[in-house]
Amino acid sequence: MSLTQTRYEVEKGIAEVTLYRPDKMNALTQTMRKELIEIFAEADKDDSVRVVVVKGAGKAFCAGADLSSGGSTFDRTVQEGQKVPISEHRDGGGRISLAVFRCRKPVIAAINGHAVGVGITMTLPMDIRVVSEDAKIGFVFARRGVVPEACSSWFLPRIVGISKATEWIYTGRVFRASEEADSGLFNYVVPQEKVVDKAMAIAKEIAENTSAVSVALSKALLWHGLAEEDPQSVHLIDSRCFYWMGHQKDSYEGVRSFLEKRAPRFTMKLSTDMPDFYPWWKEPKV
């Protein structure tokens, strides 16, 4: 990959993704968007990657969309230099969120500084969020004359509940992460200098102790279970997954390593060892 506004490094099963426009508080551009989509596709197919950690360079995580083009920033016809039919337009932030959502690896947001607008909505499809206690967070869309994007109207109420989501979206207010530590948006609220270390510790725990296929199927069960209408439907799906995994070598290894009081040596890969019934859900063509 040729990357100019992001960084991507893989070591010991952990892919570190860095938003890299520190002089602009990592404000999102079309270039950064394209690079992030490419990065998550690469992380998904690379068996050496067990976990993805996303952070920002410098003092901010992401200050939101780059507004340097002025009032026409969100006018796609002006920005793209041609008339864009409304039926064909696809929100750029949403394309990032879907790339994250489709990634079968766990994704951890290390929100090491301010995260506003798309800077926070892009983290909603990520599985775990660790945030700096002093970080400014804001779903500021109504104050910019636009609406929530990046699929956030689906993710946010599911994470924090509809009442908290409506408060943040309708007011568009900016708040310190420490003020909303109990909202459910963040797994951990820690001092700024400890954000990345905490995120990496969680990533290491996953990478060193779990089956890649077990985690991928678990991720699918959790996220897609949110769309099921009742627990009976989920029961049918997780019964199928549990039955299938019970026949696999990672299951045998997991039990043996426990009984032998040693670290497990899981060998199944997402590229070759996923069940033939995966995915079990249907997705619209976007």
C-alpha atoms as a PDB file:
ATOM      1  CA  MET A   1       0.000   0.000   0.000  1.00  0.00           C
ATOM      2  CA  SER A   2       1.107   3.546  -0.754  1.00  0.00           C
ATOM      3  CA  LEU A   3       0.095   5.582   2.294  1.00  0.00           C
ATOM      4  CA  THR A   4       0.549   9.339   2.746  1.00  0.00           C
ATOM      5  CA  GLN A   5      -1.936  10.329   5.469  1.00  0.00           C
ATOM      6  CA  THR A   6      -1.966   7.144   7.502  1.00  0.00           C
ATOM      7  CA  ARG A   7       0.570   4.675   8.841  1.00  0.00           C
ATOM      8  CA  TYR A   8       0.184   0.874   9.010  1.00  0.00           C
ATOM      9  CA  GLU A   9       2.488  -1.488  10.890  1.00  0.00           C
ATOM     10  CA  VAL A  10       2.056  -5.120  11.926  1.00  0.00           C
ATOM     11  CA  GLU A  11       4.006  -6.704  14.758  1.00  0.00           C
ATOM     12  CA  LYS A  12       3.302  -9.811  16.839  1.00  0.00           C
ATOM     13  CA  GLY A  13      -0.254 -10.125  15.556  1.00  0.00           C
ATOM     14  CA  ILE A  14      -1.218  -6.494  16.179  1.00  0.00           C
ATOM     15  CA  ALA A  15      -1.783  -4.031  13.341  1.00  0.00           C
ATOM     16  CA  GLU A  16      -1.264  -0.419  14.398  1.00  0.00           C
ATOM     17  CA  VAL A  17      -3.115   2.102  12.258  1.00  0.00           C
ATOM     18  CA  THR A  18      -2.191   5.756  12.733  1.00  0.00           C
ATOM     19  CA  LEU A  19      -4.148   8.703  11.373  1.00  0.00           C
ATOM     20  CA  TYR A  20      -1.237  10.828  10.216  1.00  0.00           C
ATOM     21  CA  ARG A  21      -1.965  14.519   9.696  1.00  0.00           C
ATOM     22  CA  PRO A  22      -0.695  15.767  13.070  1.00  0.00           C
ATOM     23  CA  ASP A  23      -0.376  19.373  11.882  1.00  0.00           C
ATOM     24  CA  LYS A  24      -4.104  19.321  10.995  1.00  0.00           C
ATOM     25  CA  MET A  25      -5.263  17.360  14.071  1.00  0.00           C
ATOM     26  CA  ASN A  26      -5.698  14.378  11.736  1.00  0.00           C
ATOM     27  CA  ALA A  27      -8.728  15.947  10.063  1.00  0.00           C
ATOM     28  CA  LEU A  28     -10.243  13.537   7.549  1.00  0.00           C
ATOM     29  CA  THR A  29      -9.653  14.048   3.835  1.00  0.00           C
ATOM     30  CA  GLN A  30     -10.682  11.988   0.817  1.00  0.00           C
ATOM     31  CA  THR A  31      -7.148  10.631   0.702  1.00  0.00           C
ATOM     32  CA  MET A  32      -7.235   9.504   4.320  1.00  0.00           C
ATOM     33  CA  ARG A  33     -10.644   7.937   3.742  1.00  0.00           C
ATOM     34  CA  LYS A  34      -9.394   5.912   0.789  1.00  0.00           C
ATOM     35  CA  GLU A  35      -6.320   4.789   2.716  1.00  0.00           C
ATOM     36  CA  LEU A  36      -8.360   3.658   5.730  1.00  0.00           C
ATOM     37  CA  ILE A  37     -10.704   1.615   3.545  1.00  0.00           C
ATOM     38  CA  GLU A  38      -7.703  -0.039   1.906  1.00  0.00           C
ATOM     39  CA  ILE A  39      -6.028  -0.677   5.272  1.00  0.00           C
ATOM     40  CA  PHE A  40      -9.030  -2.467   6.774  1.00  0.00           C
ATOM     41  CA  ALA A  41      -9.415  -4.634   3.686  1.00  0.00           C
ATOM     42  CA  GLU A  42      -5.744  -5.592   3.989  1.00  0.00           C
ATOM     43  CA  ALA A  43      -5.985  -6.287   7.732  1.00  0.00           C
ATOM     44  CA  ASP A  44      -9.007  -8.511   7.153  1.00  0.00           C
ATOM     45  CA  LYS A  45      -7.273 -10.785   4.652  1.00  0.00           C
ATOM     46  CA  ASP A  46      -3.866 -10.923   6.405  1.00  0.00           C
ATOM     47  CA  ASP A  47      -3.738 -13.985   8.674  1.00  0.00           C
ATOM     48  CA  SER A  48      -0.801 -12.508  10.582  1.00  0.00           C
ATOM     49  CA  VAL A  49      -3.107  -9.762  11.875  1.00  0.00           C
ATOM     50  CA  ARG A  50      -5.121 -10.783  14.922  1.00  0.00           C
ATOM     51  CA  VAL A  51      -6.157  -7.364  16.219  1.00  0.00           C
ATOM     52  CA  VAL A  52      -6.229  -3.809  14.832  1.00  0.00           C
ATOM     53  CA  VAL A  53      -5.479  -0.748  16.987  1.00  0.00           C
ATOM     54  CA  VAL A  54      -6.319   2.707  15.606  1.00  0.00           C
ATOM     55  CA  LYS A  55      -4.745   5.879  17.018  1.00  0.00           C
ATOM     56  CA  GLY A  56      -4.007   9.452  16.010  1.00  0.00           C
ATOM     57  CA  ALA A  57      -0.627  11.100  15.500  1.00  0.00           C
ATOM     58  CA  GLY A  58       0.126  13.994  17.790  1.00  0.00           C
ATOM     59  CA  LYS A  59      -2.288  15.371  20.384  1.00  0.00           C
ATOM     60  CA  ALA A  60      -5.584  14.645  18.595  1.00  0.00           C
ATOM     61  CA  PHE A  61      -7.289  11.474  17.432  1.00  0.00           C
ATOM     62  CA  CYS A  62      -9.286  13.118  14.634  1.00  0.00           C
ATOM     63  CA  ALA A  63     -10.769  16.621  14.629  1.00  0.00           C
ATOM     64  CA  GLY A  64     -13.439  15.621  12.104  1.00  0.00           C
ATOM     65  CA  ALA A  65     -13.734  16.416   8.430  1.00  0.00           C
ATOM     66  CA  ASP A  66     -11.230  18.807   6.896  1.00  0.00           C
ATOM     67  CA  LEU A  67     -13.248  22.037   6.481  1.00  0.00           C
ATOM     68  CA  SER A  68     -10.559  23.998   4.661  1.00  0.00           C
ATOM     69  CA  SER A  69     -12.577  24.161   1.435  1.00  0.00           C
ATOM     70  CA  GLY A  70     -15.110  26.402   3.160  1.00  0.00           C
ATOM     71  CA  GLY A  71     -18.903  26.449   3.051  1.00  0.00           C
ATOM     72  CA  SER A  72     -19.086  23.991   0.173  1.00  0.00           C
ATOM     73  CA  THR A  73     -17.242  21.301   2.157  1.00  0.00           C
ATOM     74  CA  PHE A  74     -20.268  19.017   2.273  1.00  0.00           C
ATOM     75  CA  ASP A  75     -21.662  19.869  -1.175  1.00  0.00           C
ATOM     76  CA  ARG A  76     -20.601  16.832  -3.195  1.00  0.00           C
ATOM     77  CA  THR A  77     -21.470  18.435  -6.523  1.00  0.00           C
ATOM     78  CA  VAL A  78     -19.011  21.268  -5.845  1.00  0.00           C
ATOM     79  CA  GLN A  79     -16.362  19.040  -4.298  1.00  0.00           C
ATOM     80  CA  GLU A  80     -16.413  16.516  -7.117  1.00  0.00           C
ATOM     81  CA  GLY A  81     -16.823  19.080  -9.891  1.00  0.00           C
ATOM     82  CA  GLN A  82     -19.903  17.416 -11.371  1.00  0.00           C
ATOM     83  CA  LYS A  83     -23.527  16.698 -10.618  1.00  0.00           C
ATOM     84  CA  VAL A  84     -23.785  13.661  -8.352  1.00  0.00           C
ATOM     85  CA  PRO A  85     -27.213  11.946  -8.451  1.00  0.00           C
ATOM     86  CA  ILE A  86     -28.557  11.591  -4.924  1.00  0.00           C
ATOM     87  CA  SER A  87     -29.345   7.919  -5.578  1.00  0.00           C
ATOM     88  CA  GLU A  88     -25.694   7.252  -6.385  1.00  0.00           C
ATOM     89  CA  HIS A  89     -24.038   9.190  -3.581  1.00  0.00           C
ATOM     90  CA  ARG A  90     -22.457   7.154  -0.780  1.00  0.00           C
ATOM     91  CA  ASP A  91     -21.291   8.953   2.354  1.00  0.00           C
ATOM     92  CA  GLY A  92     -17.520   8.828   2.753  1.00  0.00           C
ATOM     93  CA  GLY A  93     -17.620   8.352   6.512  1.00  0.00           C
ATOM     94  CA  GLY A  94     -20.069   5.517   6.024  1.00  0.00           C
ATOM     95  CA  ARG A  95     -17.674   3.806   3.657  1.00  0.00           C
ATOM     96  CA  ILE A  96     -15.031   3.868   6.403  1.00  0.00           C
ATOM     97  CA  SER A  97     -17.488   2.522   8.964  1.00  0.00           C
ATOM     98  CA  LEU A  98     -18.530  -0.306   6.669  1.00  0.00           C
ATOM     99  CA  ALA A  99     -14.887  -1.190   6.014  1.00  0.00           C
ATOM    100  CA  VAL A 100     -14.329  -1.405   9.775  1.00  0.00           C
ATOM    101  CA  PHE A 101     -17.544  -3.362  10.269  1.00  0.00           C
ATOM    102  CA  ARG A 102     -16.622  -5.887   7.578  1.00  0.00           C
ATOM    103  CA  CYS A 103     -13.195  -6.510   9.077  1.00  0.00           C
ATOM    104  CA  ARG A 104     -13.340  -9.864  10.851  1.00  0.00           C
ATOM    105  CA  LYS A 105     -10.568  -8.916  13.276  1.00  0.00           C
ATOM    106  CA  PRO A 106     -11.273  -7.093  16.547  1.00  0.00           C
ATOM    107  CA  VAL A 107     -10.701  -3.343  16.178  1.00  0.00           C
ATOM    108  CA  ILE A 108      -9.699  -1.182  19.137  1.00  0.00           C
ATOM    109  CA  ALA A 109      -9.912   2.617  19.027  1.00  0.00           C
ATOM    110  CA  ALA A 110      -7.139   4.271  21.026  1.00  0.00           C
ATOM    111  CA  ILE A 111      -8.729   7.730  21.186  1.00  0.00           C
ATOM    112  CA  ASN A 112      -5.650   9.557  22.394  1.00  0.00           C
ATOM    113  CA  GLY A 113      -7.062  13.041  21.903  1.00  0.00           C
ATOM    114  CA  HIS A 114      -9.954  15.079  20.545  1.00  0.00           C
ATOM    115  CA  ALA A 115     -12.478  13.167  18.400  1.00  0.00           C
ATOM    116  CA  VAL A 116     -15.232  15.247  16.821  1.00  0.00           C
ATOM    117  CA  GLY A 117     -17.683  14.580  13.993  1.00  0.00           C
ATOM    118  CA  VAL A 118     -16.397  11.773  11.814  1.00  0.00           C
ATOM    119  CA  GLY A 119     -13.493  11.571  14.253  1.00  0.00           C
ATOM    120  CA  ILE A 120     -15.822   9.907  16.755  1.00  0.00           C
ATOM    121  CA  THR A 121     -18.382   8.308  14.426  1.00  0.00           C
ATOM    122  CA  MET A 122     -15.673   6.298  12.646  1.00  0.00           C
ATOM    123  CA  THR A 123     -14.929   4.625  16.001  1.00  0.00           C
ATOM    124  CA  LEU A 124     -18.495   3.411  16.571  1.00  0.00           C
ATOM    125  CA  PRO A 125     -18.144   0.215  14.480  1.00  0.00           C
ATOM    126  CA  MET A 126     -14.873  -0.488  16.283  1.00  0.00           C
ATOM    127  CA  ASP A 127     -15.285  -3.103  18.989  1.00  0.00           C
ATOM    128  CA  ILE A 128     -13.539  -1.440  21.927  1.00  0.00           C
ATOM    129  CA  ARG A 129     -12.841   2.231  22.701  1.00  0.00           C
ATOM    130  CA  VAL A 130     -10.140   3.489  25.062  1.00  0.00           C
ATOM    131  CA  VAL A 131     -10.168   7.271  25.424  1.00  0.00           C
ATOM    132  CA  SER A 132      -8.148  10.038  27.000  1.00  0.00           C
ATOM    133  CA  GLU A 133     -10.063  11.558  29.908  1.00  0.00           C
ATOM    134  CA  ASP A 134      -9.380  15.072  28.580  1.00  0.00           C
ATOM    135  CA  ALA A 135     -10.376  14.331  24.976  1.00  0.00           C
ATOM    136  CA  LYS A 136     -13.104  16.534  23.537  1.00  0.00           C
ATOM    137  CA  ILE A 137     -15.869  14.465  21.976  1.00  0.00           C
ATOM    138  CA  GLY A 138     -18.676  15.849  19.845  1.00  0.00           C
ATOM    139  CA  PHE A 139     -21.393  14.675  17.493  1.00  0.00           C
ATOM    140  CA  VAL A 140     -21.540  18.204  16.069  1.00  0.00           C
ATOM    141  CA  PHE A 141     -23.453  17.632  12.814  1.00  0.00           C
ATOM    142  CA  ALA A 142     -26.519  19.747  13.604  1.00  0.00           C
ATOM    143  CA  ARG A 143     -24.196  22.648  14.440  1.00  0.00           C
ATOM    144  CA  ARG A 144     -22.633  22.326  10.977  1.00  0.00           C
ATOM    145  CA  GLY A 145     -26.006  22.176   9.221  1.00  0.00           C
ATOM    146  CA  VAL A 146     -25.759  18.524   8.270  1.00  0.00           C
ATOM    147  CA  VAL A 147     -26.848  15.200   9.781  1.00  0.00           C
ATOM    148  CA  PRO A 148     -25.138  12.214  11.445  1.00  0.00           C
ATOM    149  CA  GLU A 149     -23.127  10.109   8.998  1.00  0.00           C
ATOM    150  CA  ALA A 150     -20.835   7.082   8.995  1.00  0.00           C
ATOM    151  CA  CYS A 151     -23.802   4.829   9.844  1.00  0.00           C
ATOM    152  CA  SER A 152     -23.788   6.445  13.297  1.00  0.00           C
ATOM    153  CA  SER A 153     -27.580   6.589  13.541  1.00  0.00           C
ATOM    154  CA  TRP A 154     -27.442   2.774  13.566  1.00  0.00           C
ATOM    155  CA  PHE A 155     -24.414   2.310  15.807  1.00  0.00           C
ATOM    156  CA  LEU A 156     -24.770   5.059  18.414  1.00  0.00           C
ATOM    157  CA  PRO A 157     -28.224   4.169  19.863  1.00  0.00           C
ATOM    158  CA  ARG A 158     -27.177   0.531  20.057  1.00  0.00           C
ATOM    159  CA  ILE A 159     -24.087   1.473  22.052  1.00  0.00           C
ATOM    160  CA  VAL A 160     -25.400   4.144  24.436  1.00  0.00           C
ATOM    161  CA  GLY A 161     -29.197   3.906  24.113  1.00  0.00           C
ATOM    162  CA  ILE A 162     -31.597   6.134  22.235  1.00  0.00           C
ATOM    163  CA  SER A 163     -31.957   8.825  24.940  1.00  0.00           C
ATOM    164  CA  LYS A 164     -28.258   9.545  25.257  1.00  0.00           C
ATOM    165  CA  ALA A 165     -27.840   9.372  21.481  1.00  0.00           C
ATOM    166  CA  THR A 166     -30.597  11.920  20.891  1.00  0.00           C
ATOM    167  CA  GLU A 167     -29.136  14.282  23.499  1.00  0.00           C
ATOM    168  CA  TRP A 168     -25.707  14.276  21.866  1.00  0.00           C
ATOM    169  CA  ILE A 169     -27.014  14.458  18.291  1.00  0.00           C
ATOM    170  CA  TYR A 170     -29.717  17.095  18.825  1.00  0.00           C
ATOM    171  CA  THR A 171     -27.514  19.474  20.855  1.00  0.00           C
ATOM    172  CA  GLY A 172     -24.304  18.820  18.937  1.00  0.00           C
ATOM    173  CA  ARG A 173     -22.449  19.785  22.101  1.00  0.00           C
ATOM    174  CA  VAL A 174     -18.794  19.020  22.697  1.00  0.00           C
ATOM    175  CA  PHE A 175     -17.938  17.314  25.990  1.00  0.00           C
ATOM    176  CA  ARG A 176     -14.912  15.912  27.745  1.00  0.00           C
ATOM    177  CA  ALA A 177     -14.736  12.117  27.729  1.00  0.00           C
ATOM    178  CA  SER A 178     -14.474  12.131  31.533  1.00  0.00           C
ATOM    179  CA  GLU A 179     -17.909  13.794  31.721  1.00  0.00           C
ATOM    180  CA  GLU A 180     -19.512  10.810  29.982  1.00  0.00           C
ATOM    181  CA  ALA A 181     -17.366   8.007  31.385  1.00  0.00           C
ATOM    182  CA  ASP A 182     -20.491   6.072  32.399  1.00  0.00           C
ATOM    183  CA  SER A 183     -22.360   6.496  29.099  1.00  0.00           C
ATOM    184  CA  GLY A 184     -21.272   3.161  27.657  1.00  0.00           C
ATOM    185  CA  LEU A 185     -19.472   4.794  24.737  1.00  0.00           C
ATOM    186  CA  PHE A 186     -16.057   4.061  26.196  1.00  0.00           C
ATOM    187  CA  ASN A 187     -14.626   0.862  27.654  1.00  0.00           C
ATOM    188  CA  TYR A 188     -11.902   2.764  29.474  1.00  0.00           C
ATOM    189  CA  VAL A 189     -11.333   6.458  30.248  1.00  0.00           C
ATOM    190  CA  VAL A 190      -7.703   6.959  31.221  1.00  0.00           C
ATOM    191  CA  PRO A 191      -5.022   9.667  31.292  1.00  0.00           C
ATOM    192  CA  GLN A 192      -3.824  10.628  27.811  1.00  0.00           C
ATOM    193  CA  GLU A 193      -0.390   9.072  28.211  1.00  0.00           C
ATOM    194  CA  LYS A 194      -1.942   5.684  29.055  1.00  0.00           C
ATOM    195  CA  VAL A 195      -4.436   5.389  26.168  1.00  0.00           C
ATOM    196  CA  VAL A 196      -2.257   3.572  23.647  1.00  0.00           C
ATOM    197  CA  ASP A 197      -0.669   1.334  26.294  1.00  0.00           C
ATOM    198  CA  LYS A 198      -4.108   0.246  27.518  1.00  0.00           C
ATOM    199  CA  ALA A 199      -5.339  -0.417  23.984  1.00  0.00           C
ATOM    200  CA  MET A 200      -2.208  -2.399  23.157  1.00  0.00           C
ATOM    201  CA  ALA A 201      -2.525  -4.453  26.355  1.00  0.00           C
ATOM    202  CA  ILE A 202      -6.056  -5.498  25.357  1.00  0.00           C
ATOM    203  CA  ALA A 203      -4.879  -6.266  21.824  1.00  0.00           C
ATOM    204  CA  LYS A 204      -2.009  -8.372  23.155  1.00  0.00           C
ATOM    205  CA  GLU A 205      -4.368 -10.335  25.399  1.00  0.00           C
ATOM    206  CA  ILE A 206      -6.525 -11.209  22.394  1.00  0.00           C
ATOM    207  CA  ALA A 207      -3.613 -11.987  20.071  1.00  0.00           C
ATOM    208  CA  GLU A 208      -1.822 -14.277  22.520  1.00  0.00           C
ATOM    209  CA  ASN A 209      -4.699 -16.198  24.072  1.00  0.00           C
ATOM    210  CA  THR A 210      -7.543 -16.705  21.615  1.00  0.00           C
ATOM    211  CA  SER A 211      -8.479 -18.565  18.461  1.00  0.00           C
ATOM    212  CA  ALA A 212      -8.701 -16.271  15.437  1.00  0.00           C
ATOM    213  CA  VAL A 213     -11.693 -18.171  14.067  1.00  0.00           C
ATOM    214  CA  SER A 214     -13.454 -18.218  17.445  1.00  0.00           C
ATOM    215  CA  VAL A 215     -13.060 -14.454  17.739  1.00  0.00           C
ATOM    216  CA  ALA A 216     -14.213 -13.804  14.168  1.00  0.00           C
ATOM    217  CA  LEU A 217     -17.349 -15.894  14.638  1.00  0.00           C
ATOM    218  CA  SER A 218     -17.965 -14.301  18.048  1.00  0.00           C
ATOM    219  CA  LYS A 219     -17.688 -10.847  16.515  1.00  0.00           C
ATOM    220  CA  ALA A 220     -20.239 -11.776  13.865  1.00  0.00           C
ATOM    221  CA  LEU A 221     -22.586 -13.277  16.441  1.00  0.00           C
ATOM    222  CA  LEU A 222     -22.470 -10.166  18.612  1.00  0.00           C
ATOM    223  CA  TRP A 223     -22.845  -7.526  15.915  1.00  0.00           C
ATOM    224  CA  HIS A 224     -25.335  -9.334  13.685  1.00  0.00           C
ATOM    225  CA  GLY A 225     -27.242 -10.606  16.685  1.00  0.00           C
ATOM    226  CA  LEU A 226     -28.267  -6.979  17.263  1.00  0.00           C
ATOM    227  CA  ALA A 227     -30.379  -7.175  14.124  1.00  0.00           C
ATOM    228  CA  GLU A 228     -32.176 -10.392  15.076  1.00  0.00           C
ATOM    229  CA  GLU A 229     -35.745 -10.009  16.235  1.00  0.00           C
ATOM    230  CA  ASP A 230     -35.706 -12.469  19.125  1.00  0.00           C
ATOM    231  CA  PRO A 231     -33.360 -14.737  21.143  1.00  0.00           C
ATOM    232  CA  GLN A 232     -34.694 -17.858  19.427  1.00  0.00           C
ATOM    233  CA  SER A 233     -33.198 -16.682  16.139  1.00  0.00           C
ATOM    234  CA  VAL A 234     -29.843 -16.097  17.827  1.00  0.00           C
ATOM    235  CA  HIS A 235     -30.112 -19.507  19.501  1.00  0.00           C
ATOM    236  CA  LEU A 236     -30.317 -21.195  16.095  1.00  0.00           C
ATOM    237  CA  ILE A 237     -27.259 -19.337  14.817  1.00  0.00           C
ATOM    238  CA  ASP A 238     -24.995 -19.724  17.842  1.00  0.00           C
ATOM    239  CA  SER A 239     -25.983 -23.404  18.112  1.00  0.00           C
ATOM    240  CA  ARG A 240     -24.727 -23.887  14.569  1.00  0.00           C
ATOM    241  CA  CYS A 241     -21.478 -22.035  15.264  1.00  0.00           C
ATOM    242  CA  PHE A 242     -20.846 -23.849  18.543  1.00  0.00           C
ATOM    243  CA  TYR A 243     -21.506 -27.246  16.968  1.00  0.00           C
ATOM    244  CA  TRP A 244     -19.142 -26.484  14.086  1.00  0.00           C
ATOM    245  CA  MET A 245     -16.340 -25.134  16.298  1.00  0.00           C
ATOM    246  CA  GLY A 246     -16.605 -28.142  18.593  1.00  0.00           C
ATOM    247  CA  HIS A 247     -15.458 -30.335  15.707  1.00  0.00           C
ATOM    248  CA  GLN A 248     -12.429 -28.185  14.875  1.00  0.00           C
ATOM    249  CA  LYS A 249      -8.789 -28.476  15.917  1.00  0.00           C
ATOM    250  CA  ASP A 250      -8.818 -25.131  17.751  1.00  0.00           C
ATOM    251  CA  SER A 251     -11.502 -26.472  20.090  1.00  0.00           C
ATOM    252  CA  TYR A 252      -9.445 -29.578  20.809  1.00  0.00           C
ATOM    253  CA  GLU A 253      -6.376 -27.426  21.405  1.00  0.00           C
ATOM    254  CA  GLY A 254      -8.243 -25.017  23.671  1.00  0.00           C
ATOM    255  CA  VAL A 255      -9.389 -27.812  25.968  1.00  0.00           C
ATOM    256  CA  ARG A 256      -6.054 -29.630  25.946  1.00  0.00           C
ATOM    257  CA  SER A 257      -4.062 -26.482  26.747  1.00  0.00           C
ATOM    258  CA  PHE A 258      -6.352 -25.771  29.686  1.00  0.00           C
ATOM    259  CA  LEU A 259      -6.033 -29.286  31.072  1.00  0.00           C
ATOM    260  CA  GLU A 260      -2.270 -29.262  30.535  1.00  0.00           C
ATOM    261  CA  LYS A 261      -1.971 -25.795  32.115  1.00  0.00           C
ATOM    262  CA  ARG A 262      -0.094 -24.238  29.186  1.00  0.00           C
ATOM    263  CA  ALA A 263      -0.600 -21.484  26.654  1.00  0.00           C
ATOM    264  CA  PRO A 264      -2.765 -22.537  23.676  1.00  0.00           C
ATOM    265  CA  ARG A 265      -1.316 -22.931  20.197  1.00  0.00           C
ATOM    266  CA  PHE A 266      -4.235 -22.170  17.901  1.00  0.00           C
ATOM    267  CA  THR A 267      -3.575 -22.743  14.197  1.00  0.00           C
ATOM    268  CA  MET A 268      -6.839 -22.138  12.332  1.00  0.00           C
ATOM    269  CA  LYS A 269      -6.847 -19.241   9.843  1.00  0.00           C
ATOM    270  CA  LEU A 270      -9.607 -16.968   8.585  1.00  0.00           C
ATOM    271  CA  SER A 271      -8.327 -17.269   5.031  1.00  0.00           C
ATOM    272  CA  THR A 272      -8.862 -21.040   4.874  1.00  0.00           C
ATOM    273  CA  ASP A 273     -10.786 -22.295   7.889  1.00  0.00           C
ATOM    274  CA  MET A 274     -14.061 -20.395   8.198  1.00  0.00           C
ATOM    275  CA  PRO A 275     -17.260 -22.484   8.051  1.00  0.00           C
ATOM    276  CA  ASP A 276     -19.092 -22.822   4.757  1.00  0.00           C
ATOM    277  CA  PHE A 277     -22.231 -21.243   6.261  1.00  0.00           C
ATOM    278  CA  TYR A 278     -20.381 -17.982   6.995  1.00  0.00           C
ATOM    279  CA  PRO A 279     -21.742 -15.391   6.473  1.00  0.00           C
ATOM    280  CA  TRP A 280     -25.238 -16.467   7.499  1.00  0.00           C
ATOM    281  CA  TRP A 281     -26.819 -13.040   7.052  1.00  0.00           C
ATOM    282  CA  LYS A 282     -27.778 -11.153   3.905  1.00  0.00           C
ATOM    283  CA  GLU A 283     -26.417  -7.717   3.118  1.00  0.00           C
ATOM    284  CA  PRO A 284     -27.846  -5.140   0.690  1.00  0.00           C
ATOM    285  CA  LYS A 285     -25.667  -4.081  -2.194  1.00  0.00           C
ATOM    286  CA  VAL A 286     -24.291  -0.609  -1.472  1.00  0.00           C
END
